[in-house]
Amino acid sequence: MPAPRSAHAQPADSSAHPAPDASAGRSAPADPPAPACLSGDASCAPAERILEPEVRRHHHRKRKLLEFTHSSTRATMLMLTAAVAAFVIENTPVLPYFAEFWHTFEVGFTIGGFSPHLSLEHLINDFLMAIFFLMVGLEIKFEMTAGELVNPRKALLPILGAAGGAVLPALVYLAVNAGGGFEQGWGVPMANDIAFCLGILALLGSRVPPGLRSFLSTLTIADDIIAILVIAVFYTANLDVAWLAGGLGLFAGALALNRLHVHDLWPYVLVGLGMWACFLLSGVHATIAGVLLALAIPARSQVKLERAPGWFAARARTADERYDPGEPDIVQKEYLAEINEIGRVSRLSIPPITRLDYRLHVPVYFFILPLFAFSNASVVLVGMDPLAIVTSPVTIGVFFGLLLGKPLGIFLATWATVKSGLSDLPDGVRWGHVAGVSVLGGVGFTMAIFVTNLAFADPATIAMAKAAILAASLVAGVAGFLVLRKVTA
């Protein structure tokens, strides 16, 4: 899954020329700064000084809130807290009351004979998670057009590492479950959770080489692409071709909006809602609509950014000439008109994909993902035989697929790629670093739980798979942190 970030770099459409950006080539830093001139650094101080004294404190609180919500570590801890809360509820006397609300509460509307309704659980897993997958799509587009995936030689290392980390855990699972009737769960241990991985990596601070962060984030984005393809191809049942064609037609319409240089977000949102409905009714998991929509949204600014500094300087001089210090603010018509024009062009300078990333960051990482963890990470152990859980082939396959298959697959594929001369390790990265990151690859959590819900129908089997995911993720997270702390000491 994508790491929390603040749209710090400008991705580019295939038809666009990306503007210079100091952060170009970086993807999903461990703890990205809050957006544009609200991060509290020295460059933001002049903006603070021009505020009226009575509103300065309000903007200071807002800046602190933005700093708080742009931390992968805090987002990770919130998801973990939600998962623990769900586990406690599911194994206490509160469960019957909670389950009744969770499974009977519905959201929907009625227009004539059309009456779509979703349970709260389906609303989270089918609709809200589509918004999360929209964020995944934004990261994929960034990496493919302005990040590590642009350079084929540099991209090859994390791509092949991700491929090895997807194939080997699936083989481990199948080896344990061959002929047992649970073979469909092979996709569960393939998935990785980037937010947790980068949250753990952030705990090591500046000791982690920048190239290692870049390698890990790109590897997990490639891992997400593989997971999305697996979901679309192997976990789709009862395919309705007509609805699928409708969804693909709307995707083509979104691409046409891009080609027509439509930069407002609301047309894409409307098309995206239609895509979501079509994919939901087609049998293909509706979250795929979020990924496709992200690929269609423009990433190019409406302004020639290389000319913007000169234009802004000229308009600022004009505004300064039209300001009358002897008049109240509300009668400074010409001055305010110049300021308004500067603001309008400033807004046009920000690509739609960047604006969307700003708006989705907090809802996704501080509401949708914790809510998903709360509703899906629970494991009911009351009434179950602990020995049956531990000895279940599903539990064993998922646990060892994540804890052994995933790290070995990532490390061996990375080692083979470097030794064959196809690619090189990033600057400052040693094999000890790769080993630590490979172990972190065993942290499945969000994506693994998501695939579990698609792979199995039996509640007991789902509970066993989730128990294995949580156990493997905990062990992999702690072990990966300890390995990286040792090699970065």
Protein backbone atom coordinates (compact mmCIF):
# COMPACT_ATOMS: atom_id res chain seq x y z
CA MET A 1 0.00 0.00 0.00
CA PRO A 2 1.17 3.52 -0.56
CA ALA A 3 3.00 5.39 2.10
CA PRO A 4 1.61 8.59 3.61
CA ARG A 5 3.06 11.50 1.73
CA SER A 6 2.03 15.02 0.82
CA ALA A 7 2.26 15.04 -2.95
CA HIS A 8 5.77 16.33 -2.57
CA ALA A 9 6.78 15.68 -6.17
CA GLN A 10 4.98 16.41 -9.37
CA PRO A 11 4.29 13.35 -11.48
CA ALA A 12 3.84 13.77 -15.19
CA ASP A 13 1.48 12.41 -17.78
CA SER A 14 2.93 10.50 -20.66
CA SER A 15 2.16 13.56 -22.71
CA ALA A 16 3.54 16.05 -20.23
CA HIS A 17 6.95 17.42 -19.48
CA PRO A 18 7.44 17.39 -15.72
CA ALA A 19 8.41 20.65 -14.17
CA PRO A 20 11.59 20.87 -12.14
CA ASP A 21 11.05 19.75 -8.58
CA ALA A 22 13.58 19.54 -5.82
CA SER A 23 12.10 16.26 -4.74
CA ALA A 24 11.83 14.64 -8.15
CA GLY A 25 12.95 11.06 -8.08
CA ARG A 26 12.02 10.56 -4.45
CA SER A 27 8.99 8.54 -3.55
CA ALA A 28 7.11 8.21 -0.34
CA PRO A 29 9.65 9.42 2.22
CA ALA A 30 9.40 7.99 5.70
CA ASP A 31 7.92 11.06 7.35
CA PRO A 32 7.10 13.61 4.63
CA PRO A 33 6.72 17.26 5.57
CA ALA A 34 3.35 18.88 5.72
CA PRO A 35 2.25 20.55 2.50
CA ALA A 36 3.51 23.78 1.05
CA CYS A 37 4.66 26.41 3.49
CA LEU A 38 2.91 24.85 6.45
CA SER A 39 5.73 22.56 7.52
CA GLY A 40 7.32 25.02 9.90
CA ASP A 41 10.68 25.30 8.15
CA ALA A 42 12.57 28.56 7.75
CA SER A 43 11.11 29.25 4.30
CA CYS A 44 7.63 29.41 5.82
CA ALA A 45 8.54 31.99 8.45
CA PRO A 46 7.87 35.04 6.20
CA ALA A 47 4.36 33.73 5.47
CA GLU A 48 3.76 33.48 9.22
CA ARG A 49 5.00 37.04 9.75
CA ILE A 50 2.55 38.65 7.29
CA LEU A 51 -0.48 37.24 9.12
CA GLU A 52 -2.52 39.44 11.42
CA PRO A 53 -1.53 38.79 15.06
CA GLU A 54 -5.03 37.61 16.02
CA VAL A 55 -5.11 34.88 13.34
CA ARG A 56 -1.48 33.81 13.61
CA ARG A 57 -2.25 31.44 16.49
CA HIS A 58 -5.03 29.77 14.48
CA HIS A 59 -2.67 29.15 11.56
CA HIS A 60 -0.03 27.86 13.95
CA ARG A 61 -2.49 25.24 15.27
CA LYS A 62 -3.42 24.31 11.70
CA ARG A 63 0.26 23.90 10.81
CA LYS A 64 0.79 21.65 13.85
CA LEU A 65 -2.20 19.53 12.80
CA LEU A 66 -0.78 19.14 9.30
CA GLU A 67 2.58 18.12 10.72
CA PHE A 68 0.86 15.53 12.91
CA THR A 69 -1.15 14.03 10.04
CA HIS A 70 1.81 13.78 7.64
CA SER A 71 3.69 11.08 9.49
CA SER A 72 3.79 7.47 8.34
CA THR A 73 4.68 6.44 11.90
CA ARG A 74 1.54 8.00 13.38
CA ALA A 75 -0.64 6.58 10.59
CA THR A 76 0.84 3.13 11.23
CA MET A 77 0.26 3.38 14.98
CA LEU A 78 -3.36 4.45 14.43
CA MET A 79 -4.01 1.42 12.18
CA LEU A 80 -2.36 -0.86 14.73
CA THR A 81 -4.48 0.64 17.54
CA ALA A 82 -7.64 0.08 15.49
CA ALA A 83 -6.67 -3.56 14.89
CA VAL A 84 -6.02 -4.13 18.61
CA ALA A 85 -9.36 -2.50 19.49
CA ALA A 86 -11.15 -4.83 17.07
CA PHE A 87 -9.39 -7.86 18.55
CA VAL A 88 -10.47 -6.86 22.07
CA ILE A 89 -14.09 -6.28 21.04
CA GLU A 90 -14.29 -9.56 19.12
CA ASN A 91 -13.14 -11.55 22.15
CA THR A 92 -15.24 -9.92 24.89
CA PRO A 93 -18.96 -9.97 25.83
CA VAL A 94 -19.40 -6.77 23.80
CA LEU A 95 -19.19 -8.81 20.56
CA PRO A 96 -22.93 -9.68 20.11
CA TYR A 97 -24.01 -6.04 20.36
CA PHE A 98 -21.19 -4.89 18.10
CA ALA A 99 -21.87 -7.63 15.51
CA GLU A 100 -25.58 -6.79 15.39
CA PHE A 101 -24.85 -3.16 14.57
CA TRP A 102 -22.02 -3.99 12.16
CA HIS A 103 -23.98 -6.45 10.05
CA THR A 104 -27.45 -4.85 10.12
CA PHE A 105 -26.57 -1.19 9.59
CA GLU A 106 -26.98 -0.30 5.89
CA VAL A 107 -26.19 2.73 3.75
CA GLY A 108 -28.07 3.39 0.53
CA PHE A 109 -30.81 5.28 -1.27
CA THR A 110 -33.92 4.58 -3.34
CA ILE A 111 -34.93 6.17 -6.64
CA GLY A 112 -38.02 4.47 -8.02
CA GLY A 113 -37.19 0.83 -8.53
CA PHE A 114 -33.46 1.48 -8.12
CA SER A 115 -32.51 0.83 -4.51
CA PRO A 116 -28.80 0.12 -3.94
CA HIS A 117 -27.88 -0.60 -0.32
CA LEU A 118 -24.57 -1.65 1.22
CA SER A 119 -23.94 -2.99 4.68
CA LEU A 120 -21.41 -1.08 6.73
CA GLU A 121 -18.88 -3.84 6.14
CA HIS A 122 -19.36 -3.74 2.36
CA LEU A 123 -19.30 0.06 2.36
CA ILE A 124 -15.82 -0.06 3.90
CA ASN A 125 -14.43 -2.94 1.83
CA ASP A 126 -15.98 -2.07 -1.53
CA PHE A 127 -16.35 1.73 -1.53
CA LEU A 128 -13.98 3.30 0.97
CA MET A 129 -11.18 0.93 0.00
CA ALA A 130 -11.66 2.04 -3.61
CA ILE A 131 -10.56 5.48 -2.40
CA PHE A 132 -7.52 3.86 -0.82
CA PHE A 133 -6.78 2.12 -4.11
CA LEU A 134 -7.07 5.52 -5.78
CA MET A 135 -4.14 6.58 -3.58
CA VAL A 136 -2.32 3.40 -4.64
CA GLY A 137 -2.93 4.42 -8.25
CA LEU A 138 -1.50 7.88 -7.61
CA GLU A 139 1.70 6.32 -6.27
CA ILE A 140 1.90 3.92 -9.20
CA LYS A 141 1.50 6.77 -11.68
CA PHE A 142 4.14 8.82 -9.88
CA GLU A 143 6.65 5.98 -9.87
CA MET A 144 6.04 5.13 -13.53
CA THR A 145 6.28 8.70 -14.81
CA ALA A 146 8.52 10.66 -12.45
CA GLY A 147 9.92 8.23 -9.87
CA GLU A 148 12.20 5.23 -9.73
CA LEU A 149 10.26 3.26 -12.36
CA VAL A 150 11.20 5.80 -15.06
CA ASN A 151 14.80 4.55 -15.26
CA PRO A 152 14.58 0.93 -16.54
CA ARG A 153 17.89 -0.14 -15.01
CA LYS A 154 17.12 1.34 -11.60
CA ALA A 155 13.52 0.11 -11.74
CA LEU A 156 14.51 -3.44 -12.58
CA LEU A 157 15.97 -4.17 -9.14
CA PRO A 158 12.86 -3.42 -7.02
CA ILE A 159 10.53 -4.83 -9.70
CA LEU A 160 12.30 -8.19 -9.78
CA GLY A 161 12.62 -8.10 -5.99
CA ALA A 162 8.85 -7.61 -5.75
CA ALA A 163 8.27 -10.42 -8.25
CA GLY A 164 10.41 -12.80 -6.20
CA GLY A 165 8.61 -11.65 -3.06
CA ALA A 166 5.28 -12.48 -4.69
CA VAL A 167 6.06 -15.84 -6.29
CA LEU A 168 7.92 -17.60 -3.47
CA PRO A 169 5.32 -17.02 -0.70
CA ALA A 170 2.59 -18.23 -3.05
CA LEU A 171 4.63 -21.39 -3.69
CA VAL A 172 5.19 -21.89 0.04
CA TYR A 173 1.45 -21.60 0.65
CA LEU A 174 0.61 -24.03 -2.15
CA ALA A 175 3.22 -26.52 -0.95
CA VAL A 176 1.52 -26.61 2.46
CA ASN A 177 -2.06 -26.62 1.12
CA ALA A 178 -1.76 -28.79 -2.00
CA GLY A 179 -4.85 -30.98 -2.28
CA GLY A 180 -6.32 -29.66 0.96
CA GLY A 181 -9.16 -27.65 -0.51
CA PHE A 182 -7.71 -24.25 0.46
CA GLU A 183 -5.51 -23.67 -2.59
CA GLN A 184 -7.37 -20.47 -3.45
CA GLY A 185 -5.60 -18.69 -0.60
CA TRP A 186 -2.26 -18.60 -2.41
CA GLY A 187 -2.62 -14.87 -3.04
CA VAL A 188 -2.85 -13.98 0.66
CA PRO A 189 0.88 -14.09 1.59
CA MET A 190 1.89 -12.30 -1.63
CA ALA A 191 0.80 -8.85 -0.47
CA ASN A 192 2.93 -6.30 1.40
CA ASP A 193 1.95 -3.25 3.48
CA ILE A 194 4.05 -0.20 2.56
CA ALA A 195 2.64 2.07 5.28
CA PHE A 196 3.72 -0.29 8.05
CA CYS A 197 7.10 -0.94 6.41
CA LEU A 198 7.94 2.74 6.02
CA GLY A 199 6.52 3.49 9.46
CA ILE A 200 8.98 0.97 10.93
CA LEU A 201 11.78 2.33 8.76
CA ALA A 202 11.03 5.86 10.00
CA LEU A 203 11.85 4.75 13.56
CA LEU A 204 15.50 4.44 12.50
CA GLY A 205 15.60 8.09 11.42
CA SER A 206 18.52 9.47 9.42
CA ARG A 207 20.60 6.30 9.85
CA VAL A 208 18.69 4.75 6.93
CA PRO A 209 20.33 5.51 3.54
CA PRO A 210 18.00 7.47 1.22
CA GLY A 211 18.56 4.83 -1.45
CA LEU A 212 17.13 2.16 0.88
CA ARG A 213 13.92 4.13 1.44
CA SER A 214 13.59 4.61 -2.30
CA PHE A 215 14.25 0.90 -2.93
CA LEU A 216 11.67 -0.17 -0.33
CA SER A 217 8.95 2.23 -1.48
CA THR A 218 9.44 1.33 -5.15
CA LEU A 219 9.50 -2.38 -4.33
CA THR A 220 6.22 -2.12 -2.43
CA ILE A 221 4.61 -0.12 -5.25
CA ALA A 222 5.62 -2.90 -7.66
CA ASP A 223 4.25 -5.36 -5.10
CA ASP A 224 0.96 -3.44 -5.10
CA ILE A 225 0.77 -3.61 -8.90
CA ILE A 226 1.19 -7.39 -8.72
CA ALA A 227 -1.47 -7.64 -6.00
CA ILE A 228 -3.91 -5.54 -8.03
CA LEU A 229 -3.39 -7.77 -11.08
CA VAL A 230 -3.88 -10.87 -8.94
CA ILE A 231 -7.13 -9.48 -7.51
CA ALA A 232 -8.44 -8.49 -10.94
CA VAL A 233 -7.53 -11.76 -12.70
CA PHE A 234 -7.78 -14.50 -10.07
CA TYR A 235 -10.30 -13.24 -7.52
CA THR A 236 -13.08 -12.23 -9.88
CA ALA A 237 -16.21 -14.39 -9.89
CA ASN A 238 -19.31 -14.38 -12.11
CA LEU A 239 -17.95 -11.89 -14.60
CA ASP A 240 -20.62 -9.76 -16.31
CA VAL A 241 -19.06 -8.66 -19.59
CA ALA A 242 -21.62 -5.91 -20.24
CA TRP A 243 -20.95 -4.12 -16.97
CA LEU A 244 -17.20 -4.64 -17.40
CA ALA A 245 -17.41 -3.06 -20.85
CA GLY A 246 -19.30 -0.15 -19.33
CA GLY A 247 -16.59 0.37 -16.72
CA LEU A 248 -13.83 0.22 -19.31
CA GLY A 249 -15.81 2.63 -21.50
CA LEU A 250 -15.95 5.12 -18.63
CA PHE A 251 -12.23 4.66 -18.10
CA ALA A 252 -11.73 5.54 -21.77
CA GLY A 253 -13.91 8.61 -21.15
CA ALA A 254 -11.66 9.65 -18.24
CA LEU A 255 -8.61 9.29 -20.49
CA ALA A 256 -10.40 11.44 -23.08
CA LEU A 257 -10.98 14.14 -20.44
CA ASN A 258 -7.24 14.07 -19.80
CA ARG A 259 -6.46 14.43 -23.50
CA LEU A 260 -8.93 17.33 -23.71
CA HIS A 261 -6.97 19.08 -20.90
CA VAL A 262 -9.82 19.03 -18.40
CA HIS A 263 -8.10 19.94 -15.15
CA ASP A 264 -11.07 20.25 -12.79
CA LEU A 265 -11.34 17.27 -10.48
CA TRP A 266 -15.12 16.97 -10.27
CA PRO A 267 -15.62 15.48 -13.82
CA TYR A 268 -13.13 12.74 -12.94
CA VAL A 269 -14.89 12.12 -9.62
CA LEU A 270 -18.23 11.68 -11.40
CA VAL A 271 -16.71 9.33 -13.99
CA GLY A 272 -14.94 7.46 -11.19
CA LEU A 273 -18.22 6.89 -9.34
CA GLY A 274 -19.71 5.46 -12.53
CA MET A 275 -16.65 3.24 -13.01
CA TRP A 276 -16.96 2.00 -9.44
CA ALA A 277 -20.62 1.07 -9.91
CA CYS A 278 -19.90 -0.73 -13.20
CA PHE A 279 -17.01 -2.73 -11.78
CA LEU A 280 -19.04 -3.58 -8.67
CA LEU A 281 -21.84 -5.00 -10.84
CA SER A 282 -19.42 -6.68 -13.26
CA GLY A 283 -17.92 -9.04 -10.69
CA VAL A 284 -14.45 -7.47 -10.93
CA HIS A 285 -13.62 -6.05 -7.53
CA ALA A 286 -14.79 -2.45 -7.45
CA THR A 287 -11.57 -1.15 -5.90
CA ILE A 288 -9.87 -1.60 -9.31
CA ALA A 289 -11.83 1.47 -10.42
CA GLY A 290 -9.77 3.59 -8.02
CA VAL A 291 -6.49 2.53 -9.60
CA LEU A 292 -7.71 3.12 -13.16
CA LEU A 293 -9.13 6.54 -12.25
CA ALA A 294 -5.77 7.63 -10.82
CA LEU A 295 -4.04 6.73 -14.08
CA ALA A 296 -6.43 9.00 -16.00
CA ILE A 297 -6.20 12.15 -13.86
CA PRO A 298 -3.90 14.83 -15.35
CA ALA A 299 -0.54 15.37 -13.70
CA ARG A 300 0.49 18.38 -15.75
CA SER A 301 0.21 21.95 -14.51
CA GLN A 302 -1.91 24.37 -16.53
CA VAL A 303 0.88 26.94 -16.17
CA LYS A 304 4.30 26.97 -17.84
CA LEU A 305 6.11 26.63 -14.56
CA GLU A 306 9.45 27.84 -15.92
CA ARG A 307 7.81 31.20 -16.67
CA ALA A 308 5.87 31.43 -13.41
CA PRO A 309 8.54 33.10 -11.20
CA GLY A 310 8.91 36.05 -13.57
CA TRP A 311 5.14 36.42 -13.95
CA PHE A 312 4.57 36.32 -10.17
CA ALA A 313 7.34 38.87 -9.59
CA ALA A 314 5.83 41.28 -12.15
CA ARG A 315 2.31 40.95 -10.71
CA ALA A 316 3.65 41.39 -7.19
CA ARG A 317 5.30 44.66 -8.23
CA THR A 318 2.03 45.81 -9.83
CA ALA A 319 0.10 44.92 -6.69
CA ASP A 320 2.60 46.82 -4.58
CA GLU A 321 2.13 49.92 -6.74
CA ARG A 322 -1.67 49.73 -6.37
CA TYR A 323 -1.71 49.37 -2.63
CA ASP A 324 -2.86 52.49 -0.77
CA PRO A 325 -1.76 52.31 2.87
CA GLY A 326 -4.24 55.02 3.82
CA GLU A 327 -7.35 53.06 2.79
CA PRO A 328 -9.24 50.22 4.56
CA ASP A 329 -8.74 46.71 3.18
CA ILE A 330 -12.21 46.41 1.66
CA VAL A 331 -11.79 49.42 -0.64
CA GLN A 332 -8.41 48.32 -2.06
CA LYS A 333 -10.18 47.21 -5.26
CA GLU A 334 -7.28 47.28 -7.72
CA TYR A 335 -4.84 45.84 -5.21
CA LEU A 336 -7.17 43.00 -4.23
CA ALA A 337 -7.84 42.25 -7.91
CA GLU A 338 -4.10 41.76 -8.45
CA ILE A 339 -3.85 39.54 -5.36
CA ASN A 340 -6.83 37.51 -6.56
CA GLU A 341 -5.19 36.99 -9.96
CA ILE A 342 -1.96 35.86 -8.30
CA GLY A 343 -3.98 33.39 -6.23
CA ARG A 344 -5.86 32.11 -9.29
CA VAL A 345 -2.66 31.42 -11.23
CA SER A 346 -1.12 29.84 -8.13
CA ARG A 347 -4.02 27.38 -8.01
CA LEU A 348 -3.71 26.66 -11.72
CA SER A 349 -0.03 25.88 -11.19
CA ILE A 350 -0.81 22.84 -9.02
CA PRO A 351 -1.48 19.68 -11.10
CA PRO A 352 -4.84 17.97 -10.46
CA ILE A 353 -3.15 14.78 -9.30
CA THR A 354 -1.24 16.76 -6.67
CA ARG A 355 -4.39 18.52 -5.47
CA LEU A 356 -6.15 15.18 -5.19
CA ASP A 357 -3.28 13.73 -3.19
CA TYR A 358 -3.50 16.65 -0.73
CA ARG A 359 -7.21 16.09 -0.25
CA LEU A 360 -7.08 12.31 0.13
CA HIS A 361 -4.09 11.99 2.44
CA VAL A 362 -5.76 12.59 5.81
CA PRO A 363 -9.10 10.83 5.03
CA VAL A 364 -7.29 7.72 3.73
CA TYR A 365 -4.59 7.34 6.38
CA PHE A 366 -6.44 8.67 9.41
CA PHE A 367 -9.96 7.41 8.67
CA ILE A 368 -10.32 4.82 5.90
CA LEU A 369 -7.35 2.56 6.70
CA PRO A 370 -7.92 2.57 10.49
CA LEU A 371 -11.61 1.84 9.82
CA PHE A 372 -10.62 -1.02 7.50
CA ALA A 373 -8.24 -2.38 10.14
CA PHE A 374 -10.95 -2.08 12.79
CA SER A 375 -13.51 -3.95 10.68
CA ASN A 376 -11.26 -6.59 9.12
CA ALA A 377 -8.27 -7.30 11.36
CA SER A 378 -10.34 -8.84 14.15
CA VAL A 379 -9.82 -12.51 14.96
CA VAL A 380 -12.42 -14.35 17.07
CA LEU A 381 -10.53 -16.80 19.26
CA VAL A 382 -13.31 -17.45 21.79
CA GLY A 383 -14.72 -20.93 21.24
CA MET A 384 -11.95 -21.98 18.86
CA ASP A 385 -9.41 -24.69 19.56
CA PRO A 386 -5.96 -23.03 19.74
CA LEU A 387 -4.32 -26.25 18.55
CA ALA A 388 -6.61 -26.35 15.53
CA ILE A 389 -5.63 -22.77 14.67
CA VAL A 390 -1.89 -23.42 14.98
CA THR A 391 -1.98 -26.69 13.01
CA SER A 392 -4.34 -25.49 10.26
CA PRO A 393 -2.67 -25.67 6.82
CA VAL A 394 -4.11 -22.23 6.05
CA THR A 395 -2.45 -20.76 9.15
CA ILE A 396 0.85 -22.50 8.42
CA GLY A 397 0.81 -21.57 4.72
CA VAL A 398 0.04 -17.90 5.32
CA PHE A 399 2.40 -17.54 8.30
CA PHE A 400 5.43 -19.12 6.68
CA GLY A 401 4.58 -17.67 3.28
CA LEU A 402 4.85 -14.18 4.78
CA LEU A 403 7.62 -14.79 7.30
CA LEU A 404 9.90 -17.00 5.19
CA GLY A 405 8.72 -17.00 1.58
CA LYS A 406 8.37 -13.24 1.26
CA PRO A 407 11.82 -12.26 2.68
CA LEU A 408 13.62 -15.08 0.86
CA GLY A 409 11.88 -14.24 -2.41
CA ILE A 410 12.79 -10.55 -2.18
CA PHE A 411 16.41 -11.15 -1.12
CA LEU A 412 17.18 -13.95 -3.60
CA ALA A 413 15.62 -12.09 -6.54
CA THR A 414 17.52 -8.91 -5.61
CA TRP A 415 20.78 -10.85 -5.19
CA ALA A 416 20.34 -12.63 -8.55
CA THR A 417 19.56 -9.34 -10.32
CA VAL A 418 22.69 -7.63 -8.99
CA LYS A 419 24.99 -10.63 -9.51
CA SER A 420 23.79 -11.03 -13.09
CA GLY A 421 24.75 -7.42 -13.82
CA LEU A 422 21.21 -6.37 -14.74
CA SER A 423 21.15 -3.69 -12.03
CA ASP A 424 23.12 -2.34 -9.06
CA LEU A 425 22.35 -1.73 -5.42
CA PRO A 426 21.36 1.90 -4.68
CA ASP A 427 24.11 4.21 -3.40
CA GLY A 428 24.94 3.58 0.25
CA VAL A 429 22.92 0.36 0.41
CA ARG A 430 24.63 -2.84 1.56
CA TRP A 431 23.41 -6.43 1.58
CA GLY A 432 22.64 -6.15 5.29
CA HIS A 433 20.20 -3.35 4.45
CA VAL A 434 18.58 -5.51 1.76
CA ALA A 435 18.24 -8.36 4.26
CA GLY A 436 16.47 -6.09 6.76
CA VAL A 437 14.12 -4.68 4.14
CA SER A 438 13.41 -8.20 2.87
CA VAL A 439 12.33 -9.24 6.36
CA LEU A 440 10.08 -6.17 6.54
CA GLY A 441 8.47 -7.48 3.35
CA GLY A 442 6.76 -10.08 5.53
CA VAL A 443 4.52 -7.36 6.99
CA GLY A 444 1.32 -8.06 5.07
CA PHE A 445 -1.55 -6.56 7.11
CA THR A 446 -3.86 -4.37 4.99
CA MET A 447 -3.42 -5.91 1.53
CA ALA A 448 -3.09 -9.47 2.86
CA ILE A 449 -6.29 -9.10 4.90
CA PHE A 450 -8.01 -7.59 1.87
CA VAL A 451 -7.09 -10.61 -0.29
CA THR A 452 -8.14 -12.97 2.53
CA ASN A 453 -11.68 -11.60 2.37
CA LEU A 454 -11.74 -12.31 -1.37
CA ALA A 455 -10.11 -15.75 -1.20
CA PHE A 456 -12.22 -17.42 1.50
CA ALA A 457 -15.91 -17.54 2.39
CA ASP A 458 -15.83 -19.64 5.56
CA PRO A 459 -15.55 -17.39 8.67
CA ALA A 460 -13.36 -19.90 10.53
CA THR A 461 -10.90 -20.10 7.63
CA ILE A 462 -10.84 -16.31 7.37
CA ALA A 463 -10.13 -16.05 11.10
CA MET A 464 -7.22 -18.48 10.82
CA ALA A 465 -5.74 -16.64 7.86
CA LYS A 466 -6.05 -13.31 9.67
CA ALA A 467 -4.42 -14.74 12.79
CA ALA A 468 -1.49 -15.91 10.67
CA ILE A 469 -1.24 -12.51 8.94
CA LEU A 470 -1.19 -10.59 12.22
CA ALA A 471 1.32 -12.98 13.82
CA ALA A 472 3.65 -12.99 10.81
CA SER A 473 3.40 -9.21 10.39
CA LEU A 474 4.27 -8.66 14.06
CA VAL A 475 7.27 -10.99 13.95
CA ALA A 476 8.48 -9.64 10.58
CA GLY A 477 8.12 -6.04 11.73
CA VAL A 478 10.10 -6.55 14.93
CA ALA A 479 12.74 -8.75 13.27
CA GLY A 480 13.17 -6.38 10.32
CA PHE A 481 13.58 -3.42 12.67
CA LEU A 482 16.20 -5.23 14.74
CA VAL A 483 18.17 -6.29 11.66
CA LEU A 484 18.14 -2.77 10.22
CA ARG A 485 19.05 -1.22 13.57
CA LYS A 486 22.06 -3.50 13.78
CA VAL A 487 23.31 -2.85 10.23
CA THR A 488 22.75 0.93 10.52
CA ALA A 489 24.34 1.28 13.96
